[in-house]
Amino acid sequence: MLLFFSASATGQNDLYGVNLPEVLGGGYDFDKSASKNIKNNNRGNFNVDILGPSFMLNIADQHSIAIFSRVRSISNLVNINGELFDAANKDTDVSKSFLITGGNPNVVTNSWAEIGASYGTVFLDEEDHFIKGGITVKYLMAGTNGYINGSNLSVAFTKNDADPSLSEYNSTGTLRTAASYNYENGNDPKFNTAFGGVGLDLGFTYEYRTNCHTCRGNRYKFKAAASVTDIGKLNYKNITENTYNLTGKVTQADLDNADNIFDFFNSNYTKIATRKGIKANLPTTLHTNFDWNIDQRFYLNLSGDFGLIDAEKMNGTAIANSVTFTPRYETRQFSFYVPVTWMQYSGTQIGTGFRAGPLFVGSGSLISNLFANNSRACNLYVGLKLPIYQNYN
């Protein structure tokens, strides 16, 4: 198989729900029209995955290898006080005083590039039973890593009606911040081969087969697979982590005049600790997949992705759990499918997609986004690959 490229992006949250067609049409009043589920521990994440030129080939009857290139980015927001976040994102001045206990917010963004090699082999090939497994080793190139981690935060806002710029924020708690590139001097983020690491993927597949050696297409009646991916860490030797005591008072003018968030912390709060050199974990994940081949063209699939990294961990890169049920129609040249996915932060999403020859396009949330007034997730993917079919003669 030769893959020319594939790209996917997923964003979801449990705070805001919107009518996506109206948002894309422009003029959407987010503050008035969006449905809100304000909690003291709102969550959200955004993932981008781009797979570059890659290929897989058989080197013997029961052995195969693959080479791939990939760029990925994951951003997590957990334990976010929805009221404070909503107030900070309003286009107009905050209209009244408030007291908010922010708790322990954790915001992480991490991006990196991979160059990997995979090896797969057949362990068992009997009349009805087939087992294969594989391993992938990945060389990691560090991209950008930044995080904000709070502990026992609270914010009291006092509105100054005479001069809103003198409105005051009184805060308590501690906050850790770090970034892998220098915002202050305007440096652009880039992938760095000097800072990186090694990653590992492991997986196995079992097939119950019909023993039809002359059948075209998939030979299995039922397939079960499990894998653990993204075992490893990135080593950001150039990151400096600063810890601030946020006990103090700032004005609205202090916020408005800050060039960036790091400049704001340095100018207004006491730095109580500093350390350099941070390791960022990969989003280690357990994947499960069960596929039932009903009659060579119609299939039912159940898959799950379960993060093995705690998203509340400081600088913890993690996925949101999901479970997907997908009926599909599939032939060698065409397939059509309708995934129904429960997503941890945004609930149930319904999508659709197809493959026509080498092209595949789809969305895990398209139907939901078109017909729901409070969509909390959006997913898109597209790719181009050239399959090389097995000869059963």
Protein backbone atom coordinates (compact mmCIF):
# COMPACT_ATOMS: atom_id res chain seq x y z
CA MET A 1 0.00 0.00 0.00
CA LEU A 2 1.21 3.49 -0.85
CA LEU A 3 -0.28 6.40 1.11
CA PHE A 4 0.22 9.79 -0.46
CA PHE A 5 -1.25 11.73 2.46
CA SER A 6 -4.05 11.86 5.01
CA ALA A 7 -5.14 14.60 7.36
CA SER A 8 -7.67 14.77 10.17
CA ALA A 9 -8.75 17.35 12.73
CA THR A 10 -11.05 16.99 15.73
CA GLY A 11 -12.21 19.61 18.21
CA GLN A 12 -14.65 19.13 21.06
CA ASN A 13 -15.69 20.64 24.39
CA ASP A 14 -18.38 20.36 27.06
CA LEU A 15 -18.88 24.11 27.64
CA TYR A 16 -20.30 25.57 24.42
CA GLY A 17 -22.78 24.16 21.91
CA VAL A 18 -23.39 25.97 18.62
CA ASN A 19 -25.35 25.74 15.38
CA LEU A 20 -22.39 25.06 13.09
CA PRO A 21 -24.06 25.99 9.74
CA GLU A 22 -24.97 29.39 11.23
CA VAL A 23 -21.43 29.85 12.55
CA LEU A 24 -19.96 29.10 9.10
CA GLY A 25 -22.50 31.42 7.50
CA GLY A 26 -21.11 34.38 9.46
CA GLY A 27 -22.76 36.86 11.78
CA TYR A 28 -23.34 34.30 14.53
CA ASP A 29 -23.82 35.94 17.95
CA PHE A 30 -21.81 33.51 20.03
CA ASP A 31 -22.60 35.03 23.40
CA LYS A 32 -26.38 35.18 22.83
CA SER A 33 -27.00 32.11 20.68
CA ALA A 34 -24.56 29.45 21.93
CA SER A 35 -25.89 27.02 24.52
CA LYS A 36 -23.72 26.91 27.63
CA ASN A 37 -23.00 24.15 30.11
CA ILE A 38 -21.03 26.12 32.70
CA LYS A 39 -19.28 24.03 35.35
CA ASN A 40 -16.21 24.46 37.53
CA ASN A 41 -14.44 21.67 35.62
CA ASN A 42 -15.23 22.16 31.92
CA ARG A 43 -13.06 20.32 29.41
CA GLY A 44 -12.05 20.49 25.78
CA ASN A 45 -9.42 19.27 23.34
CA PHE A 46 -8.21 19.78 19.77
CA ASN A 47 -6.22 17.22 17.75
CA VAL A 48 -4.57 17.51 14.33
CA ASP A 49 -2.95 14.50 12.63
CA ILE A 50 -1.20 14.69 9.24
CA LEU A 51 0.28 11.52 7.75
CA GLY A 52 2.80 12.16 5.00
CA PRO A 53 4.10 9.88 2.25
CA SER A 54 4.18 6.31 3.57
CA PHE A 55 4.31 2.79 2.18
CA MET A 56 3.87 -0.83 3.26
CA LEU A 57 5.05 -3.94 1.42
CA ASN A 58 5.45 -7.66 1.94
CA ILE A 59 9.04 -8.85 2.16
CA ALA A 60 8.00 -12.53 2.45
CA ASP A 61 4.77 -14.53 2.65
CA GLN A 62 4.30 -13.82 6.35
CA HIS A 63 6.40 -10.70 6.90
CA SER A 64 5.88 -7.05 5.98
CA ILE A 65 7.45 -3.68 6.65
CA ALA A 66 6.27 -0.08 6.50
CA ILE A 67 7.86 3.38 6.55
CA PHE A 68 5.89 6.53 7.39
CA SER A 69 6.15 10.22 8.21
CA ARG A 70 3.71 12.10 10.42
CA VAL A 71 3.02 15.45 12.13
CA ARG A 72 0.70 15.70 15.14
CA SER A 73 -0.66 18.27 17.57
CA ILE A 74 -2.79 17.78 20.70
CA SER A 75 -4.18 20.47 22.99
CA ASN A 76 -6.09 19.72 26.21
CA LEU A 77 -8.03 21.95 28.59
CA VAL A 78 -9.30 20.31 31.78
CA ASN A 79 -10.74 21.54 35.07
CA ILE A 80 -11.48 24.92 33.52
CA ASN A 81 -13.93 27.12 35.42
CA GLY A 82 -16.58 27.72 32.77
CA GLU A 83 -17.85 30.95 34.31
CA LEU A 84 -14.38 32.50 34.39
CA PHE A 85 -13.58 31.26 30.87
CA ASP A 86 -16.87 32.61 29.53
CA ALA A 87 -16.31 35.99 31.18
CA ALA A 88 -12.77 36.23 29.75
CA ASN A 89 -14.06 35.56 26.21
CA LYS A 90 -16.82 38.17 26.14
CA ASP A 91 -16.36 40.93 23.57
CA THR A 92 -17.72 43.55 25.96
CA ASP A 93 -16.51 44.59 29.41
CA VAL A 94 -17.54 42.36 32.28
CA SER A 95 -20.74 43.97 33.54
CA LYS A 96 -20.64 43.10 37.24
CA SER A 97 -18.42 42.00 40.08
CA PHE A 98 -17.94 38.31 40.79
CA LEU A 99 -16.08 35.78 42.94
CA ILE A 100 -14.93 32.57 41.24
CA THR A 101 -13.00 29.65 42.66
CA GLY A 102 -10.95 28.47 39.70
CA GLY A 103 -9.70 25.26 41.29
CA ASN A 104 -6.93 23.41 39.47
CA PRO A 105 -7.01 24.23 35.74
CA ASN A 106 -4.63 22.37 33.44
CA VAL A 107 -3.97 23.54 29.86
CA VAL A 108 -1.47 21.67 27.67
CA THR A 109 -0.47 21.92 24.02
CA ASN A 110 2.07 19.62 22.41
CA SER A 111 3.10 19.12 18.78
CA TRP A 112 5.76 16.92 17.23
CA ALA A 113 6.86 15.13 14.06
CA GLU A 114 7.52 11.42 13.61
CA ILE A 115 9.49 9.24 11.22
CA GLY A 116 8.72 5.58 11.86
CA ALA A 117 9.33 2.04 10.71
CA SER A 118 6.96 -0.88 11.31
CA TYR A 119 7.39 -4.63 11.13
CA GLY A 120 4.51 -7.10 11.05
CA THR A 121 4.44 -10.89 10.99
CA VAL A 122 1.96 -13.79 11.03
CA PHE A 123 2.03 -15.88 14.22
CA LEU A 124 -0.72 -18.36 13.33
CA ASP A 125 -2.38 -19.27 10.03
CA GLU A 126 -4.61 -22.32 10.33
CA GLU A 127 -7.84 -23.24 8.60
CA ASP A 128 -10.13 -21.03 10.69
CA HIS A 129 -7.77 -19.01 12.83
CA PHE A 130 -5.31 -16.29 11.91
CA ILE A 131 -3.16 -14.15 14.25
CA LYS A 132 -0.73 -11.42 13.27
CA GLY A 133 1.14 -8.76 15.21
CA GLY A 134 3.40 -5.82 14.69
CA ILE A 135 5.69 -3.26 16.26
CA THR A 136 6.47 0.32 15.28
CA VAL A 137 9.51 2.33 16.35
CA LYS A 138 9.29 6.09 15.87
CA TYR A 139 11.94 8.78 15.91
CA LEU A 140 10.37 11.89 17.44
CA MET A 141 11.22 15.51 16.64
CA ALA A 142 10.04 18.04 19.21
CA GLY A 143 7.82 20.85 17.99
CA THR A 144 6.05 23.09 20.49
CA ASN A 145 5.11 22.38 24.08
CA GLY A 146 3.46 24.76 26.49
CA TYR A 147 1.31 24.44 29.57
CA ILE A 148 -0.43 26.30 32.37
CA ASN A 149 -1.18 24.39 35.56
CA GLY A 150 -2.98 26.01 38.49
CA SER A 151 -3.43 24.99 42.11
CA ASN A 152 -6.17 26.27 44.45
CA LEU A 153 -6.93 29.30 42.31
CA SER A 154 -9.58 31.89 43.08
CA VAL A 155 -10.38 35.25 41.47
CA ALA A 156 -12.52 38.09 42.84
CA PHE A 157 -13.44 40.83 40.33
CA THR A 158 -14.51 44.29 41.52
CA LYS A 159 -16.11 46.42 38.82
CA ASN A 160 -15.16 50.12 38.66
CA ASP A 161 -18.10 51.78 36.92
CA ALA A 162 -16.45 55.21 36.80
CA ASP A 163 -13.30 53.90 35.05
CA PRO A 164 -13.50 50.25 33.85
CA SER A 165 -9.73 50.19 33.25
CA LEU A 166 -9.28 50.43 37.03
CA SER A 167 -11.50 47.43 37.74
CA GLU A 168 -9.59 45.04 40.01
CA TYR A 169 -8.85 41.33 40.04
CA ASN A 170 -7.82 39.90 43.42
CA SER A 171 -6.44 36.39 43.14
CA THR A 172 -4.92 33.61 45.25
CA GLY A 173 -3.21 30.32 44.46
CA THR A 174 -0.16 29.19 42.50
CA LEU A 175 0.41 28.73 38.79
CA ARG A 176 3.06 26.93 36.73
CA THR A 177 3.74 28.03 33.16
CA ALA A 178 6.15 26.94 30.44
CA ALA A 179 6.65 27.34 26.69
CA SER A 180 9.18 25.75 24.37
CA TYR A 181 9.74 28.83 22.20
CA ASN A 182 10.19 32.49 22.87
CA TYR A 183 6.93 34.38 22.29
CA GLU A 184 8.42 37.58 23.59
CA ASN A 185 11.03 37.84 20.84
CA GLY A 186 8.64 36.69 18.12
CA ASN A 187 10.41 33.42 17.32
CA ASP A 188 8.37 31.06 15.15
CA PRO A 189 7.85 27.51 16.43
CA LYS A 190 9.63 24.78 14.47
CA PHE A 191 10.50 21.11 14.76
CA ASN A 192 13.86 20.52 16.38
CA THR A 193 15.86 17.36 15.75
CA ALA A 194 18.11 18.17 18.72
CA PHE A 195 15.18 17.78 21.11
CA GLY A 196 13.08 14.68 20.67
CA GLY A 197 12.87 11.08 21.69
CA VAL A 198 11.75 7.59 20.70
CA GLY A 199 8.21 6.22 20.58
CA LEU A 200 6.79 2.72 20.35
CA ASP A 201 3.52 1.10 19.13
CA LEU A 202 2.47 -2.53 19.66
CA GLY A 203 -0.55 -4.38 18.25
CA PHE A 204 -2.17 -7.75 17.53
CA THR A 205 -5.06 -8.92 15.34
CA TYR A 206 -7.09 -12.14 15.46
CA GLU A 207 -9.31 -13.27 12.59
CA TYR A 208 -11.86 -16.06 12.48
CA ARG A 209 -11.78 -17.02 8.82
CA THR A 210 -14.11 -18.82 6.43
CA ASN A 211 -11.19 -20.71 4.88
CA CYS A 212 -12.28 -19.55 1.44
CA HIS A 213 -8.97 -19.21 -0.39
CA THR A 214 -10.65 -18.23 -3.66
CA CYS A 215 -12.85 -15.51 -2.12
CA ARG A 216 -12.24 -11.94 -3.25
CA GLY A 217 -11.84 -9.34 -0.53
CA ASN A 218 -11.64 -9.98 3.20
CA ARG A 219 -11.47 -13.65 4.20
CA TYR A 220 -12.43 -13.16 7.83
CA LYS A 221 -15.91 -13.56 9.30
CA PHE A 222 -14.94 -11.83 12.53
CA LYS A 223 -11.88 -9.79 13.43
CA ALA A 224 -10.67 -8.52 16.80
CA ALA A 225 -7.66 -6.24 17.27
CA ALA A 226 -5.94 -4.47 20.15
CA SER A 227 -2.98 -2.13 20.27
CA VAL A 228 -1.16 0.24 22.56
CA THR A 229 0.28 3.26 20.77
CA ASP A 230 2.45 6.25 21.60
CA ILE A 231 4.61 4.78 24.33
CA GLY A 232 7.41 7.29 24.93
CA LYS A 233 8.35 10.87 25.74
CA LEU A 234 9.64 14.03 24.10
CA ASN A 235 12.59 15.76 25.72
CA TYR A 236 12.27 19.57 25.60
CA LYS A 237 15.66 20.57 26.96
CA ASN A 238 15.12 24.25 26.17
CA ILE A 239 11.90 24.78 28.16
CA THR A 240 11.92 26.88 31.33
CA GLU A 241 9.11 26.28 33.79
CA ASN A 242 8.19 29.13 36.15
CA THR A 243 5.98 28.89 39.23
CA TYR A 244 4.17 32.03 40.40
CA ASN A 245 2.41 32.97 43.61
CA LEU A 246 -0.79 34.60 42.32
CA THR A 247 -1.75 36.18 45.63
CA GLY A 248 -2.17 39.82 44.68
CA LYS A 249 -4.16 42.43 42.80
CA VAL A 250 -4.11 43.61 39.17
CA THR A 251 -6.28 45.98 37.19
CA GLN A 252 -8.05 45.63 33.87
CA ALA A 253 -5.43 47.98 32.42
CA ASP A 254 -2.66 45.59 33.50
CA LEU A 255 -4.37 42.82 31.57
CA ASP A 256 -5.01 44.93 28.49
CA ASN A 257 -1.44 46.27 28.32
CA ALA A 258 0.36 42.90 28.60
CA ASP A 259 2.03 41.72 25.39
CA ASN A 260 1.40 38.06 26.24
CA ILE A 261 0.40 35.91 29.17
CA PHE A 262 4.00 35.20 30.21
CA ASP A 263 4.86 38.89 30.25
CA PHE A 264 1.74 39.48 32.36
CA PHE A 265 2.78 36.93 34.99
CA ASN A 266 6.37 38.19 35.13
CA SER A 267 5.24 41.80 35.56
CA ASN A 268 2.54 41.33 38.17
CA TYR A 269 3.29 38.29 40.34
CA THR A 270 6.12 36.81 42.40
CA LYS A 271 8.12 34.02 40.78
CA ILE A 272 8.77 31.41 43.48
CA ALA A 273 10.47 28.62 41.50
CA THR A 274 12.18 28.00 38.16
CA ARG A 275 13.45 24.85 36.46
CA LYS A 276 14.76 24.09 32.98
CA GLY A 277 14.31 20.98 30.87
CA ILE A 278 10.89 19.32 30.62
CA LYS A 279 9.79 15.91 29.38
CA ALA A 280 6.40 15.63 27.69
CA ASN A 281 4.73 12.26 27.38
CA LEU A 282 3.17 10.99 24.19
CA PRO A 283 -0.62 10.36 24.38
CA THR A 284 -0.34 6.65 25.22
CA THR A 285 -3.61 5.01 24.16
CA LEU A 286 -5.30 1.61 24.15
CA HIS A 287 -7.18 0.91 20.92
CA THR A 288 -9.69 -1.91 20.49
CA ASN A 289 -11.49 -2.96 17.30
CA PHE A 290 -14.13 -5.61 16.57
CA ASP A 291 -15.29 -6.13 12.98
CA TRP A 292 -18.07 -8.48 11.80
CA ASN A 293 -18.12 -9.35 8.11
CA ILE A 294 -21.80 -10.11 7.55
CA ASP A 295 -21.76 -11.12 3.87
CA GLN A 296 -18.56 -9.82 2.18
CA ARG A 297 -20.08 -6.39 1.53
CA PHE A 298 -21.86 -5.39 4.73
CA TYR A 299 -19.95 -4.98 7.99
CA LEU A 300 -20.55 -3.90 11.57
CA ASN A 301 -17.65 -2.40 13.47
CA LEU A 302 -17.16 -1.45 17.12
CA SER A 303 -14.00 0.40 18.10
CA GLY A 304 -12.73 2.19 21.18
CA ASP A 305 -9.89 4.57 22.01
CA PHE A 306 -8.99 4.83 25.70
CA GLY A 307 -6.34 7.21 26.96
CA LEU A 308 -3.80 5.77 29.39
CA ILE A 309 -2.50 9.21 30.42
CA ASP A 310 -4.30 11.28 33.06
CA ALA A 311 -5.35 14.56 31.41
CA GLU A 312 -5.08 16.28 34.81
CA LYS A 313 -1.37 15.49 35.01
CA MET A 314 0.84 18.54 34.66
CA ASN A 315 1.97 18.77 31.03
CA GLY A 316 0.03 15.58 30.41
CA THR A 317 -0.71 15.03 26.70
CA ALA A 318 -3.83 12.85 26.56
CA ILE A 319 -6.65 11.94 24.23
CA ALA A 320 -10.35 12.03 25.13
CA ASN A 321 -11.92 8.56 25.31
CA SER A 322 -14.31 7.54 22.55
CA VAL A 323 -16.36 4.54 21.44
CA THR A 324 -17.61 4.22 17.84
CA PHE A 325 -20.18 1.90 16.25
CA THR A 326 -19.99 1.89 12.44
CA PRO A 327 -22.15 0.03 9.91
CA ARG A 328 -20.49 0.05 6.50
CA TYR A 329 -20.81 -1.16 2.93
CA GLU A 330 -17.48 -2.15 1.39
CA THR A 331 -16.14 -3.45 -1.92
CA ARG A 332 -12.64 -3.30 -3.34
CA GLN A 333 -13.25 0.03 -5.06
CA PHE A 334 -15.88 1.67 -2.89
CA SER A 335 -17.05 1.87 0.71
CA PHE A 336 -19.63 3.93 2.58
CA TYR A 337 -20.02 4.16 6.33
CA VAL A 338 -22.03 5.94 9.05
CA PRO A 339 -20.11 6.13 12.36
CA VAL A 340 -21.96 6.81 15.61
CA THR A 341 -19.45 7.95 18.24
CA TRP A 342 -19.67 8.67 21.93
CA MET A 343 -16.99 11.25 22.71
CA GLN A 344 -15.93 11.89 26.29
CA TYR A 345 -16.29 15.67 26.30
CA SER A 346 -19.04 16.27 23.75
CA GLY A 347 -21.45 13.32 23.89
CA THR A 348 -22.80 11.38 20.91
CA GLN A 349 -21.90 12.40 17.35
CA ILE A 350 -23.13 10.95 14.05
CA GLY A 351 -21.04 11.23 10.90
CA THR A 352 -20.57 9.71 7.48
CA GLY A 353 -17.78 9.02 4.99
CA PHE A 354 -16.83 7.15 1.84
CA ARG A 355 -13.90 5.71 -0.05
CA ALA A 356 -13.84 5.78 -3.85
CA GLY A 357 -10.77 4.13 -5.30
CA PRO A 358 -7.74 5.83 -3.75
CA LEU A 359 -9.65 8.74 -2.21
CA PHE A 360 -11.32 8.70 1.20
CA VAL A 361 -13.23 11.60 2.78
CA GLY A 362 -15.43 11.79 5.84
CA SER A 363 -16.46 13.32 9.12
CA GLY A 364 -17.26 11.72 12.43
CA SER A 365 -19.72 14.51 13.22
CA LEU A 366 -21.17 15.70 9.88
CA ILE A 367 -24.79 14.63 10.41
CA SER A 368 -24.83 15.96 13.97
CA ASN A 369 -23.30 19.27 12.86
CA LEU A 370 -25.88 19.73 10.09
CA PHE A 371 -28.99 19.06 12.15
CA ALA A 372 -28.14 19.87 15.78
CA ASN A 373 -28.44 23.34 17.30
CA ASN A 374 -25.89 22.67 20.04
CA SER A 375 -22.97 20.88 18.38
CA ARG A 376 -20.05 20.49 20.77
CA ALA A 377 -17.66 18.67 18.41
CA CYS A 378 -16.41 18.81 14.83
CA ASN A 379 -14.32 16.23 12.98
CA LEU A 380 -13.01 16.12 9.40
CA TYR A 381 -10.60 13.83 7.55
CA VAL A 382 -9.37 13.27 4.00
CA GLY A 383 -6.71 11.09 2.41
CA LEU A 384 -5.33 9.52 -0.75
CA LYS A 385 -3.87 6.01 -0.87
CA LEU A 386 -3.11 3.39 -3.48
CA PRO A 387 -3.96 -0.13 -2.23
CA ILE A 388 -2.14 -3.17 -3.56
CA TYR A 389 -4.50 -6.12 -3.38
CA GLN A 390 -3.46 -9.62 -2.42
CA ASN A 391 -3.60 -12.27 -5.11
CA TYR A 392 -5.50 -15.35 -3.94
CA ASN A 393 -4.87 -17.47 -7.07
